[in-house]
Amino acid sequence: MGRRILNDALRTMVNAERREKATANLQPISTVMTSFLRIMNDRGYIKDFQVFDPHRVGKITVELQGRIKDCRALTYRQDIRAKDIEQYRLRMLPTRQVSKMEIT
């Protein structure tokens, strides 16, 4: 369920970026999503985000910066050994220059 929530949130942000909106509202939320947004904020892909009512269903408001072109989560689980991560990254990402991979 957590990967589906993250994928829906990422697609919401991509669609809001394409419509040139300043913010995107994400609902429902998870701790994985909050951690991922913190990483995106540190790397400069989003300006800021605020979590409202995290103990219930909650929602997150994300201030977009206009740098997200495409972003998605893999919705299936894969067991990968640590030494095979680089081969997996090369196989799954479209290009080396502009693509990033976060592993949870």
Protein backbone atom coordinates (compact mmCIF):
# COMPACT_ATOMS: atom_id res chain seq x y z
CA MET A 1 0.00 0.00 0.00
CA GLY A 2 2.85 2.40 0.81
CA ARG A 3 4.33 2.24 -2.69
CA ARG A 4 0.93 3.03 -4.20
CA ILE A 5 0.54 6.11 -1.99
CA LEU A 6 4.02 7.32 -2.96
CA ASN A 7 3.35 6.73 -6.66
CA ASP A 8 0.05 8.64 -6.51
CA ALA A 9 1.77 11.54 -4.73
CA LEU A 10 4.57 11.70 -7.29
CA ARG A 11 2.10 11.66 -10.18
CA THR A 12 0.11 14.47 -8.52
CA MET A 13 3.26 16.59 -8.29
CA VAL A 14 4.21 15.89 -11.92
CA ASN A 15 0.70 16.80 -13.12
CA ALA A 16 0.72 20.01 -11.07
CA GLU A 17 4.14 20.92 -12.55
CA ARG A 18 2.83 20.36 -16.08
CA ARG A 19 -0.12 22.67 -15.36
CA GLU A 20 2.35 25.22 -13.93
CA LYS A 21 0.69 25.31 -10.51
CA ALA A 22 2.56 26.71 -7.53
CA THR A 23 1.43 24.05 -5.04
CA ALA A 24 0.25 20.47 -4.96
CA ASN A 25 -1.92 18.88 -2.26
CA LEU A 26 -1.07 15.28 -1.43
CA GLN A 27 -3.45 13.01 0.42
CA PRO A 28 -3.24 10.44 2.11
CA ILE A 29 0.27 10.63 3.57
CA SER A 30 2.88 8.21 4.88
CA THR A 31 6.24 8.42 6.61
CA VAL A 32 7.97 7.16 3.45
CA MET A 33 6.40 10.01 1.47
CA THR A 34 7.54 12.56 4.07
CA SER A 35 11.09 11.19 3.97
CA PHE A 36 11.11 11.25 0.17
CA LEU A 37 9.86 14.85 0.10
CA ARG A 38 12.61 15.82 2.55
CA ILE A 39 15.19 14.35 0.13
CA MET A 40 13.60 16.19 -2.81
CA ASN A 41 13.69 19.41 -0.79
CA ASP A 42 17.38 18.93 0.09
CA ARG A 43 18.26 18.35 -3.57
CA GLY A 44 16.32 21.41 -4.74
CA TYR A 45 13.45 19.79 -6.64
CA ILE A 46 10.77 21.35 -4.44
CA LYS A 47 10.78 24.58 -2.41
CA ASP A 48 9.12 23.41 0.79
CA PHE A 49 6.35 21.19 2.14
CA GLN A 50 4.05 21.28 5.15
CA VAL A 51 2.36 18.32 6.83
CA PHE A 52 -1.13 18.93 8.21
CA ASP A 53 -2.65 16.52 10.77
CA PRO A 54 -0.11 13.66 10.46
CA HIS A 55 -1.87 11.42 13.02
CA ARG A 56 -5.01 10.93 10.95
CA VAL A 57 -5.38 10.71 7.19
CA GLY A 58 -3.60 14.06 6.91
CA LYS A 59 -2.44 16.02 3.91
CA ILE A 60 0.77 17.56 2.66
CA THR A 61 1.02 20.85 0.77
CA VAL A 62 4.10 20.98 -1.49
CA GLU A 63 5.46 24.23 -2.93
CA LEU A 64 6.69 23.37 -6.40
CA GLN A 65 9.75 24.85 -8.03
CA GLY A 66 9.32 23.80 -11.66
CA ARG A 67 12.18 21.30 -11.79
CA ILE A 68 10.25 18.01 -11.85
CA LYS A 69 9.85 16.65 -15.37
CA ASP A 70 8.93 13.05 -14.58
CA CYS A 71 8.89 11.10 -11.34
CA ARG A 72 7.44 7.71 -10.48
CA ALA A 73 7.74 4.91 -7.97
CA LEU A 74 8.17 1.26 -8.77
CA THR A 75 5.00 -0.41 -7.55
CA TYR A 76 6.43 -3.88 -7.18
CA ARG A 77 8.94 -5.17 -4.67
CA GLN A 78 12.33 -6.35 -5.82
CA ASP A 79 15.05 -7.99 -3.77
CA ILE A 80 18.42 -6.72 -4.97
CA ARG A 81 21.82 -7.44 -3.50
CA ALA A 82 23.98 -4.45 -2.61
CA LYS A 83 26.54 -5.32 -5.29
CA ASP A 84 23.82 -5.42 -7.99
CA ILE A 85 22.38 -1.94 -7.30
CA GLU A 86 24.55 -0.22 -9.93
CA GLN A 87 23.50 -2.69 -12.67
CA TYR A 88 19.85 -2.26 -11.65
CA ARG A 89 20.19 1.55 -11.77
CA LEU A 90 21.71 1.45 -15.26
CA ARG A 91 18.96 -0.86 -16.47
CA MET A 92 16.01 1.06 -14.97
CA LEU A 93 16.92 4.74 -15.37
CA PRO A 94 16.58 6.43 -18.78
CA THR A 95 19.83 8.46 -18.66
CA ARG A 96 22.73 8.87 -16.29
CA GLN A 97 22.92 12.66 -16.43
CA VAL A 98 19.44 13.65 -15.24
CA SER A 99 18.10 10.62 -13.39
CA LYS A 100 18.18 9.89 -9.66
CA MET A 101 17.17 6.77 -7.78
CA GLU A 102 16.13 6.63 -4.12
CA ILE A 103 16.00 3.23 -2.45
CA THR A 104 13.89 2.59 0.62
